[in-house]
Amino acid sequence: MGNVHVQTMSAIPATALSAANDMTLDAVTHGSAAQAPLCFVIDTDISVRRFLSLILHGAGLNSEEFSAGEALTVALSRCAPDIVFLDVALELAEAVQCLAELANNSYCGQVQLISNRGSAVLAHVKHIGEQHHLQMLPVLKKPIDAQAILNVLQQLKLGHAAPTAGRIGLDEALNKGWIEFWYQPKIDLRRKQLVGAESFARARHPQHGIMLPDAFMPGAPETSLIKLAEHALVCALKAGLNFAKLGVSLQLAVNISASALGKVRFPEILQTFRPQFDKWPGLVIDVMEEQLVSDLARVSDIAGELKKFEVNVAIDNFGRRHTSLVNLRELPFTEVKIDRTFVADCATSKINAPLCKTIIDLAHNFGSVAVAIGIEKASDAVALLRMGCDYGQGFLLGQPMPEELFASLLRQRAVGPVRQSFEPERLTQPAEA
C-alpha cells in the first residue's frame, strides 16, 4: 500500500508514556461509561463475543466477556449485569449450569439465549431458565443480526436514548461545552482486527439529550466550523493518548471541510497536544470528495504539508462526483472511502458491485487504502472482502460511541479478531438440529 502507514492495536511501552503518568487509567473511563448498563456475554466463540461487545458499546452499554460459565460465579459476586447473553452450544450442560448459577445468585435481570441449535433444543433450555424463575427473552438465532440486538435493547430501554430532533446553534453548543466526540470502529476486513476509529461530533444538550450534527451543523458560519475542527483535532489527540494508556495505539480520523482545512492551526495544535510515544500512528483528515474537487490544487498543497506532521488526508464519500483520475494522482491521499450509497447492496446490485470494485482497484493503484463506509449487511461485507477492500466501517461492525465507552471496550480486550460471522463459510452454515 505504498507509503501508507497503519498502526494496528499494539502494546505501548510503559517508558514511552512516562510523561503522562499523572492521568490514571481509571480516569479514561469515567463518567457515562461507569454509569452505563452492564451486559455479560458468555460464548466460546471469541468473534461472537467481540461482535456483540461492539454492538453493545455502540448502543451505550458496557460489557464483560466470558468464554465459559466458570468465571460467572466470581463476576456475579462482584456486580449484577442488566442483561446476560448466553450461548447454547453443543454441550447443553454449560448453558444449563449458567442458568442455575444466575438463579443461585438471585439474578433479576434479563437472559438472552443465542444459538444455532434447533428450536426444540432452545425451547427446552429456555424452559429450564423459566423454571429457575429467570426472565428469559425470546431466543436469537445465529448468525446474529446487529439490528436484532438493538431491538432487544430498545424494548428493554437499555443504552442510549434515540437522538432528539430540533435545532441549536453551533456557536452556542461550542461555547457552552455541549460538543463531544464519539468514535466509530474501523475494521480490517481481512484480519478482523480493529485498526482505527473515526471521530463524529455530537451535542449533549442539557434538556434535549444527544443531538446529531444535523441539529447544529447546517448554516453554521465558517468561523464556527473552524472552531469545531480545531476542537475535534484536540479531542482526537487526547483520545489517542488515553487509548495508548490502555495499551492500544489507534490511528484516529477527523472530519474537516476543505474550506476550513487551510485555516486550522495544525502546527500549534500538534505541537501542544501530539502524544509523545514511539510509533505514534498519526491522524487522518477526512475531506469529502465533492469539496476537494473544486480546490484540488490547494488541498494537495495542504496535504503535502500535513504529511510532515504525520497527518494524512483521506477522500471521504468517494464516487459521488466522479473525480478525474488524472487529478487524483496529484493528491497525496492515504485512504479512499467508498460512498455508502455504493456500499449498500453491493453484494447483489449489478450497478453498485462493479463501482465498488473499480474504486477499490483505483485506491490500490495509487498506493492507498480502500475503506467501505456504511456497511450494514454481512453479505455486503463478504462481497467487499472478495473485491479486495481493506477496511470497513458501519452499523454491522460497530456504531459511533462516546470516548469513555470506546475506551471501556478497548480495556477489556487485546489484539484479536472482531467478528468472523460475515465469512462465506459461516454465512452458509446450516443451523444445528
Protein backbone atom coordinates (compact mmCIF):
# COMPACT_ATOMS: atom_id res chain seq x y z
CA MET A 1 0.00 0.00 0.00
CA GLY A 2 2.75 2.40 -0.89
CA ASN A 3 3.83 4.77 1.83
CA VAL A 4 0.68 4.40 3.86
CA HIS A 5 1.45 3.60 7.48
CA VAL A 6 -1.26 1.94 9.53
CA GLN A 7 -0.63 1.22 13.19
CA THR A 8 -2.73 -1.67 14.41
CA MET A 9 -3.58 -2.41 18.03
CA SER A 10 -0.31 -2.86 19.86
CA ALA A 11 1.16 -2.52 23.31
CA ILE A 12 2.82 0.80 24.14
CA PRO A 13 6.00 0.60 26.26
CA ALA A 14 5.44 1.97 29.74
CA THR A 15 8.54 4.15 29.47
CA ALA A 16 7.13 5.87 26.41
CA LEU A 17 4.23 7.13 28.47
CA SER A 18 6.18 8.37 31.48
CA ALA A 19 5.36 11.98 30.68
CA ALA A 20 1.67 11.27 31.01
CA ASN A 21 1.65 9.27 34.22
CA ASP A 22 -0.28 12.00 36.01
CA MET A 23 -3.51 10.69 34.48
CA THR A 24 -4.59 7.29 35.76
CA LEU A 25 -6.22 4.70 33.56
CA ASP A 26 -9.33 4.90 35.69
CA ALA A 27 -9.77 8.49 34.59
CA VAL A 28 -10.03 7.36 30.99
CA THR A 29 -13.32 5.61 31.52
CA HIS A 30 -15.01 7.96 33.94
CA GLY A 31 -18.49 9.38 33.57
CA SER A 32 -21.06 7.69 31.38
CA ALA A 33 -19.04 4.50 30.90
CA ALA A 34 -19.05 3.87 34.65
CA GLN A 35 -22.80 4.51 34.83
CA ALA A 36 -23.75 2.64 31.65
CA PRO A 37 -25.88 -0.52 31.88
CA LEU A 38 -23.81 -3.70 32.07
CA CYS A 39 -24.08 -6.83 29.95
CA PHE A 40 -22.40 -10.22 30.38
CA VAL A 41 -21.61 -12.08 27.14
CA ILE A 42 -20.96 -15.82 27.57
CA ASP A 43 -19.86 -17.60 24.39
CA THR A 44 -16.96 -19.89 23.48
CA ASP A 45 -16.56 -18.12 20.11
CA ILE A 46 -14.34 -15.05 20.59
CA SER A 47 -15.54 -13.49 17.33
CA VAL A 48 -19.16 -13.61 18.52
CA ARG A 49 -18.25 -12.16 21.91
CA ARG A 50 -16.38 -9.27 20.35
CA PHE A 51 -19.04 -8.57 17.76
CA LEU A 52 -21.67 -8.42 20.49
CA SER A 53 -19.45 -6.13 22.55
CA LEU A 54 -19.05 -3.74 19.61
CA ILE A 55 -22.82 -3.54 19.18
CA LEU A 56 -23.45 -3.19 22.91
CA HIS A 57 -20.89 -0.45 23.44
CA GLY A 58 -22.15 1.40 20.39
CA ALA A 59 -25.64 1.27 21.89
CA GLY A 60 -24.43 2.69 25.21
CA LEU A 61 -23.80 -0.41 27.32
CA ASN A 62 -20.70 -1.79 28.95
CA SER A 63 -19.94 -5.47 28.51
CA GLU A 64 -17.85 -8.20 30.08
CA GLU A 65 -16.93 -11.25 28.03
CA PHE A 66 -16.63 -14.84 29.23
CA SER A 67 -15.55 -17.87 27.21
CA ALA A 68 -17.17 -20.23 29.70
CA GLY A 69 -19.54 -20.13 32.64
CA GLU A 70 -16.82 -20.97 35.16
CA ALA A 71 -15.96 -17.29 35.64
CA LEU A 72 -19.61 -16.33 36.09
CA THR A 73 -19.69 -17.02 39.83
CA VAL A 74 -16.84 -14.62 40.56
CA ALA A 75 -18.30 -11.98 38.25
CA LEU A 76 -21.75 -12.19 39.86
CA SER A 77 -20.23 -11.75 43.33
CA ARG A 78 -18.68 -8.50 42.08
CA CYS A 79 -21.62 -6.97 40.19
CA ALA A 80 -25.03 -7.79 38.72
CA PRO A 81 -25.49 -7.20 34.98
CA ASP A 82 -28.66 -5.75 33.47
CA ILE A 83 -28.75 -8.44 30.78
CA VAL A 84 -26.89 -11.69 30.04
CA PHE A 85 -26.28 -13.01 26.52
CA LEU A 86 -25.80 -16.75 26.86
CA ASP A 87 -24.78 -19.10 24.06
CA VAL A 88 -26.40 -22.52 23.86
CA ALA A 89 -23.65 -24.64 22.34
CA LEU A 90 -23.43 -28.34 21.51
CA GLU A 91 -22.90 -29.19 25.17
CA LEU A 92 -26.15 -28.12 26.84
CA ALA A 93 -24.79 -28.68 30.35
CA GLU A 94 -22.71 -25.48 30.14
CA ALA A 95 -25.73 -23.27 29.43
CA VAL A 96 -27.90 -25.06 32.00
CA GLN A 97 -25.20 -24.63 34.64
CA CYS A 98 -25.01 -20.90 33.88
CA LEU A 99 -28.77 -20.58 34.31
CA ALA A 100 -28.56 -22.36 37.66
CA GLU A 101 -25.72 -20.07 38.76
CA LEU A 102 -27.76 -16.99 37.85
CA ALA A 103 -30.69 -18.33 39.84
CA ASN A 104 -28.49 -19.14 42.85
CA ASN A 105 -27.33 -15.52 42.85
CA SER A 106 -30.94 -14.25 42.74
CA TYR A 107 -30.30 -12.63 39.38
CA CYS A 108 -33.16 -10.29 38.46
CA GLY A 109 -32.06 -9.10 35.01
CA GLN A 110 -32.89 -10.45 31.56
CA VAL A 111 -31.40 -13.56 29.94
CA GLN A 112 -30.98 -13.60 26.17
CA LEU A 113 -30.19 -17.03 24.72
CA ILE A 114 -28.25 -17.10 21.44
CA SER A 115 -27.58 -20.22 19.42
CA ASN A 116 -27.66 -22.02 16.10
CA ARG A 117 -29.30 -25.06 17.71
CA GLY A 118 -32.73 -26.27 16.67
CA SER A 119 -35.95 -24.78 18.02
CA ALA A 120 -36.84 -27.79 20.18
CA VAL A 121 -33.48 -27.70 22.00
CA LEU A 122 -33.68 -23.96 22.57
CA ALA A 123 -37.25 -24.16 23.83
CA HIS A 124 -36.09 -26.78 26.33
CA VAL A 125 -33.23 -24.61 27.64
CA LYS A 126 -35.50 -21.56 27.81
CA HIS A 127 -38.00 -23.60 29.83
CA ILE A 128 -35.25 -24.59 32.28
CA GLY A 129 -34.47 -20.90 32.80
CA GLU A 130 -38.13 -20.14 33.43
CA GLN A 131 -38.27 -22.96 35.99
CA HIS A 132 -35.45 -21.15 37.78
CA HIS A 133 -37.69 -18.04 37.76
CA LEU A 134 -35.33 -16.17 35.45
CA GLN A 135 -36.59 -13.55 32.99
CA MET A 136 -36.00 -15.34 29.69
CA LEU A 137 -36.23 -13.40 26.42
CA PRO A 138 -37.17 -14.92 23.04
CA VAL A 139 -34.18 -16.82 21.62
CA LEU A 140 -31.96 -15.20 18.96
CA LYS A 141 -30.59 -17.49 16.27
CA LYS A 142 -27.03 -17.29 14.92
CA PRO A 143 -25.57 -15.71 12.83
CA ILE A 144 -26.58 -12.75 14.95
CA ASP A 145 -28.06 -9.70 13.28
CA ALA A 146 -26.99 -6.33 14.71
CA GLN A 147 -30.48 -4.87 14.37
CA ALA A 148 -31.95 -7.77 16.34
CA ILE A 149 -29.61 -6.94 19.23
CA LEU A 150 -30.58 -3.27 19.09
CA ASN A 151 -34.27 -4.18 19.01
CA VAL A 152 -33.85 -6.15 22.24
CA LEU A 153 -32.07 -3.23 23.92
CA GLN A 154 -34.68 -0.74 22.75
CA GLN A 155 -37.52 -2.89 24.06
CA LEU A 156 -35.76 -3.10 27.44
CA LYS A 157 -34.91 0.63 27.34
CA LEU A 158 -31.23 -0.08 27.86
CA GLY A 159 -28.47 2.14 26.46
CA HIS A 160 -28.59 5.44 24.62
CA ALA A 161 -31.90 7.16 24.12
CA ALA A 162 -32.69 7.91 20.48
CA PRO A 163 -31.16 11.22 19.31
CA THR A 164 -33.64 14.06 19.61
CA ALA A 165 -34.83 16.37 16.86
CA GLY A 166 -34.61 20.16 16.98
CA ARG A 167 -32.03 22.80 16.17
CA ILE A 168 -29.33 24.56 18.16
CA GLY A 169 -26.55 26.93 17.11
CA LEU A 170 -23.06 25.51 16.71
CA ASP A 171 -21.56 28.58 18.41
CA GLU A 172 -23.81 28.12 21.42
CA ALA A 173 -23.01 24.41 21.60
CA LEU A 174 -19.26 25.09 21.47
CA ASN A 175 -19.33 27.95 23.95
CA LYS A 176 -21.41 26.02 26.46
CA GLY A 177 -19.34 22.84 26.19
CA TRP A 178 -22.10 20.68 24.75
CA ILE A 179 -19.98 19.30 21.90
CA GLU A 180 -18.34 15.92 22.40
CA PHE A 181 -16.87 13.38 20.01
CA TRP A 182 -17.90 9.78 19.53
CA TYR A 183 -15.69 7.17 17.88
CA GLN A 184 -16.72 4.54 15.34
CA PRO A 185 -14.50 1.44 14.92
CA LYS A 186 -12.64 0.97 11.65
CA ILE A 187 -12.11 -2.74 10.98
CA ASP A 188 -9.54 -4.58 8.87
CA LEU A 189 -11.93 -6.80 6.89
CA ARG A 190 -9.35 -9.48 6.16
CA ARG A 191 -7.77 -9.78 9.59
CA LYS A 192 -10.97 -8.96 11.54
CA GLN A 193 -8.97 -6.50 13.65
CA LEU A 194 -9.60 -3.01 14.89
CA VAL A 195 -7.17 -0.66 13.08
CA GLY A 196 -8.59 2.78 13.82
CA ALA A 197 -11.63 4.88 14.56
CA GLU A 198 -13.42 7.87 13.07
CA SER A 199 -14.49 10.84 15.17
CA PHE A 200 -18.08 12.14 14.93
CA ALA A 201 -19.41 15.28 16.61
CA ARG A 202 -22.40 15.07 18.94
CA ALA A 203 -24.09 17.69 21.11
CA ARG A 204 -25.19 16.69 24.60
CA HIS A 205 -27.91 19.24 25.33
CA PRO A 206 -28.96 19.65 28.99
CA GLN A 207 -32.66 19.34 28.11
CA HIS A 208 -32.82 17.64 24.70
CA GLY A 209 -30.14 15.00 25.29
CA ILE A 210 -27.91 13.73 22.46
CA MET A 211 -28.24 15.64 19.19
CA LEU A 212 -26.75 14.66 15.82
CA PRO A 213 -24.84 17.06 13.51
CA ASP A 214 -27.98 17.82 11.51
CA ALA A 215 -29.18 19.67 14.58
CA PHE A 216 -26.24 22.09 14.82
CA MET A 217 -24.16 22.00 11.59
CA PRO A 218 -26.46 23.36 8.83
CA GLY A 219 -25.99 27.08 8.34
CA ALA A 220 -23.07 27.34 10.76
CA PRO A 221 -20.61 30.15 9.84
CA GLU A 222 -17.13 29.23 8.72
CA THR A 223 -15.58 30.62 11.90
CA SER A 224 -17.64 28.13 13.90
CA LEU A 225 -16.70 25.26 11.59
CA ILE A 226 -13.02 26.11 12.09
CA LYS A 227 -13.52 26.15 15.88
CA LEU A 228 -15.27 22.78 15.66
CA ALA A 229 -12.45 21.34 13.52
CA GLU A 230 -9.79 22.50 15.97
CA HIS A 231 -11.79 21.16 18.89
CA ALA A 232 -12.10 17.82 17.09
CA LEU A 233 -8.35 17.70 16.50
CA VAL A 234 -7.51 18.42 20.13
CA CYS A 235 -10.02 15.84 21.38
CA ALA A 236 -8.74 13.19 18.93
CA LEU A 237 -5.14 13.75 20.03
CA LYS A 238 -6.14 13.49 23.69
CA ALA A 239 -8.26 10.41 22.97
CA GLY A 240 -5.34 8.78 21.17
CA LEU A 241 -3.20 9.27 24.27
CA ASN A 242 -5.95 7.87 26.50
CA PHE A 243 -6.25 4.79 24.28
CA ALA A 244 -2.47 4.37 24.26
CA LYS A 245 -2.54 4.25 28.07
CA LEU A 246 -4.73 1.21 27.71
CA GLY A 247 -2.05 -0.41 25.54
CA VAL A 248 -3.82 0.33 22.26
CA SER A 249 -2.36 2.59 19.55
CA LEU A 250 -5.02 3.57 17.01
CA GLN A 251 -4.98 5.88 14.01
CA LEU A 252 -7.91 8.25 14.50
CA ALA A 253 -9.73 10.12 11.72
CA VAL A 254 -11.25 13.60 11.97
CA ASN A 255 -13.70 15.18 9.51
CA ILE A 256 -12.71 18.69 8.34
CA SER A 257 -14.22 20.66 5.49
CA ALA A 258 -11.95 21.65 2.58
CA SER A 259 -12.64 25.33 3.21
CA ALA A 260 -11.53 25.07 6.85
CA LEU A 261 -8.52 22.86 6.09
CA GLY A 262 -6.11 25.71 5.37
CA LYS A 263 -7.28 27.80 8.33
CA VAL A 264 -6.95 25.26 11.12
CA ARG A 265 -3.91 25.85 13.33
CA PHE A 266 -2.35 22.44 12.71
CA PRO A 267 1.27 23.24 13.74
CA GLU A 268 0.24 24.89 17.01
CA ILE A 269 -2.27 22.17 17.94
CA LEU A 270 0.06 19.30 17.07
CA GLN A 271 2.98 20.86 18.91
CA THR A 272 0.84 21.23 22.03
CA PHE A 273 -1.24 18.04 22.04
CA ARG A 274 0.57 15.45 19.91
CA PRO A 275 1.08 12.28 22.02
CA GLN A 276 4.74 11.73 22.78
CA PHE A 277 5.26 8.00 22.45
CA ASP A 278 7.12 5.80 19.99
CA LYS A 279 5.40 4.82 16.75
CA TRP A 280 2.55 7.29 17.09
CA PRO A 281 0.21 6.23 14.25
CA GLY A 282 -0.65 9.82 13.32
CA LEU A 283 -4.02 11.24 12.29
CA VAL A 284 -6.21 11.03 9.22
CA ILE A 285 -8.17 14.04 8.00
CA ASP A 286 -11.32 13.08 6.07
CA VAL A 287 -12.28 15.59 3.35
CA MET A 288 -15.37 14.97 1.24
CA GLU A 289 -14.72 14.42 -2.45
CA GLU A 290 -17.33 16.96 -3.51
CA GLN A 291 -15.47 19.65 -1.55
CA LEU A 292 -11.91 18.89 -2.61
CA VAL A 293 -12.57 18.68 -6.37
CA SER A 294 -13.31 22.40 -6.55
CA ASP A 295 -9.98 23.29 -4.96
CA LEU A 296 -7.80 20.29 -5.63
CA ALA A 297 -4.50 22.15 -6.01
CA ARG A 298 -4.83 23.93 -2.66
CA VAL A 299 -5.90 20.78 -0.82
CA SER A 300 -3.00 18.91 -2.42
CA ASP A 301 -0.52 21.53 -1.15
CA ILE A 302 -2.00 21.39 2.35
CA ALA A 303 -1.94 17.58 2.33
CA GLY A 304 1.74 17.66 1.43
CA GLU A 305 2.48 19.97 4.38
CA LEU A 306 0.42 17.87 6.79
CA LYS A 307 2.42 14.75 5.99
CA LYS A 308 5.38 16.42 7.69
CA PHE A 309 3.37 16.21 10.92
CA GLU A 310 2.31 12.56 10.32
CA VAL A 311 -1.17 13.73 9.39
CA ASN A 312 -2.64 12.21 6.23
CA VAL A 313 -5.66 13.15 4.10
CA ALA A 314 -8.41 10.74 3.07
CA ILE A 315 -11.05 11.23 0.37
CA ASP A 316 -14.45 10.77 2.01
CA ASN A 317 -17.71 9.79 0.27
CA PHE A 318 -15.80 8.93 -2.89
CA GLY A 319 -17.73 8.24 -6.08
CA ARG A 320 -20.38 10.94 -5.99
CA ARG A 321 -18.57 13.44 -8.20
CA HIS A 322 -16.64 11.07 -10.50
CA THR A 323 -13.41 12.96 -9.89
CA SER A 324 -10.91 12.85 -12.73
CA LEU A 325 -8.37 10.08 -12.24
CA VAL A 326 -5.68 12.36 -13.61
CA ASN A 327 -6.40 14.94 -10.91
CA LEU A 328 -6.36 12.32 -8.16
CA ARG A 329 -2.76 11.47 -8.97
CA GLU A 330 -1.83 14.95 -7.78
CA LEU A 331 -3.28 14.45 -4.30
CA PRO A 332 -1.18 12.57 -1.68
CA PHE A 333 -4.17 10.89 -0.02
CA THR A 334 -3.90 7.89 2.30
CA GLU A 335 -7.41 6.45 2.05
CA VAL A 336 -10.30 6.35 -0.39
CA LYS A 337 -13.58 5.96 1.48
CA ILE A 338 -16.29 4.48 -0.73
CA ASP A 339 -19.59 6.33 -0.53
CA ARG A 340 -22.23 4.44 1.44
CA THR A 341 -24.72 4.62 -1.45
CA PHE A 342 -22.41 2.32 -3.44
CA VAL A 343 -21.63 0.07 -0.47
CA ALA A 344 -25.33 -0.65 0.15
CA ASP A 345 -26.37 -3.91 -1.55
CA CYS A 346 -23.00 -4.23 -3.29
CA ALA A 347 -23.32 -7.99 -2.87
CA THR A 348 -26.33 -8.13 -5.20
CA SER A 349 -26.55 -4.86 -7.14
CA LYS A 350 -25.29 -5.04 -10.72
CA ILE A 351 -24.56 -1.30 -10.50
CA ASN A 352 -23.00 -0.94 -7.06
CA ALA A 353 -20.79 -4.05 -7.19
CA PRO A 354 -18.67 -3.00 -10.21
CA LEU A 355 -18.49 0.58 -8.89
CA CYS A 356 -17.09 -0.63 -5.57
CA LYS A 357 -14.60 -2.90 -7.31
CA THR A 358 -13.44 -0.03 -9.55
CA ILE A 359 -12.91 2.30 -6.59
CA ILE A 360 -11.05 -0.39 -4.61
CA ASP A 361 -8.72 -1.05 -7.55
CA LEU A 362 -8.24 2.70 -8.03
CA ALA A 363 -7.20 3.15 -4.41
CA HIS A 364 -4.71 0.30 -4.62
CA ASN A 365 -3.25 1.59 -7.88
CA PHE A 366 -2.48 4.87 -6.09
CA GLY A 367 -0.93 3.08 -3.10
CA SER A 368 -3.86 3.94 -0.85
CA VAL A 369 -6.21 2.05 1.44
CA ALA A 370 -9.79 1.33 0.33
CA VAL A 371 -12.36 1.86 3.08
CA ALA A 372 -16.04 0.96 2.74
CA ILE A 373 -18.33 3.09 4.90
CA GLY A 374 -21.88 2.36 5.91
CA ILE A 375 -21.63 -1.45 5.91
CA GLU A 376 -24.92 -2.75 7.27
CA LYS A 377 -25.21 -6.28 5.85
CA ALA A 378 -22.98 -9.31 6.32
CA SER A 379 -23.41 -10.21 2.65
CA ASP A 380 -22.04 -6.80 1.63
CA ALA A 381 -19.04 -7.25 3.94
CA VAL A 382 -18.33 -10.61 2.31
CA ALA A 383 -18.58 -9.10 -1.16
CA LEU A 384 -16.27 -6.21 -0.27
CA LEU A 385 -13.74 -8.62 1.21
CA ARG A 386 -13.72 -10.63 -2.01
CA MET A 387 -13.25 -7.44 -4.01
CA GLY A 388 -10.10 -6.70 -2.01
CA CYS A 389 -11.46 -3.89 0.17
CA ASP A 390 -9.09 -3.23 3.06
CA TYR A 391 -11.14 -1.66 5.84
CA GLY A 392 -14.78 -1.23 6.74
CA GLN A 393 -16.97 0.91 8.94
CA GLY A 394 -20.67 0.77 9.58
CA PHE A 395 -23.63 -0.43 11.56
CA LEU A 396 -22.63 -4.08 11.10
CA LEU A 397 -19.16 -3.58 12.59
CA GLY A 398 -19.84 -1.03 15.32
CA GLN A 399 -21.67 2.24 15.84
CA PRO A 400 -20.11 5.52 16.99
CA MET A 401 -19.81 5.54 20.77
CA PRO A 402 -18.66 8.04 23.43
CA GLU A 403 -14.93 8.08 24.10
CA GLU A 404 -15.29 6.62 27.58
CA LEU A 405 -17.34 3.68 26.26
CA PHE A 406 -14.87 3.14 23.42
CA ALA A 407 -12.06 3.12 25.99
CA SER A 408 -14.01 0.68 28.12
CA LEU A 409 -14.31 -1.61 25.10
CA LEU A 410 -10.56 -1.42 24.48
CA ARG A 411 -9.75 -2.00 28.13
CA GLN A 412 -11.25 -5.48 28.18
CA ARG A 413 -9.50 -6.91 25.12
CA ALA A 414 -6.16 -7.40 23.41
CA VAL A 415 -5.36 -7.79 19.72
CA GLY A 416 -7.65 -10.31 18.08
CA PRO A 417 -10.47 -10.96 15.65
CA VAL A 418 -13.57 -8.78 15.84
CA ARG A 419 -16.04 -10.95 14.01
CA GLN A 420 -15.94 -13.91 11.66
CA SER A 421 -19.68 -14.35 11.07
CA PHE A 422 -19.55 -12.48 7.76
CA GLU A 423 -17.16 -15.03 6.26
CA PRO A 424 -18.80 -17.01 3.44
CA GLU A 425 -18.44 -20.37 5.17
CA ARG A 426 -20.12 -19.03 8.29
CA LEU A 427 -23.00 -17.48 6.38
CA THR A 428 -23.90 -20.71 4.64
CA GLN A 429 -23.54 -22.97 7.65
CA PRO A 430 -26.89 -24.68 8.38
CA ALA A 431 -28.45 -24.48 11.82
CA GLU A 432 -27.81 -27.43 14.03
CA ALA A 433 -30.61 -29.83 14.80
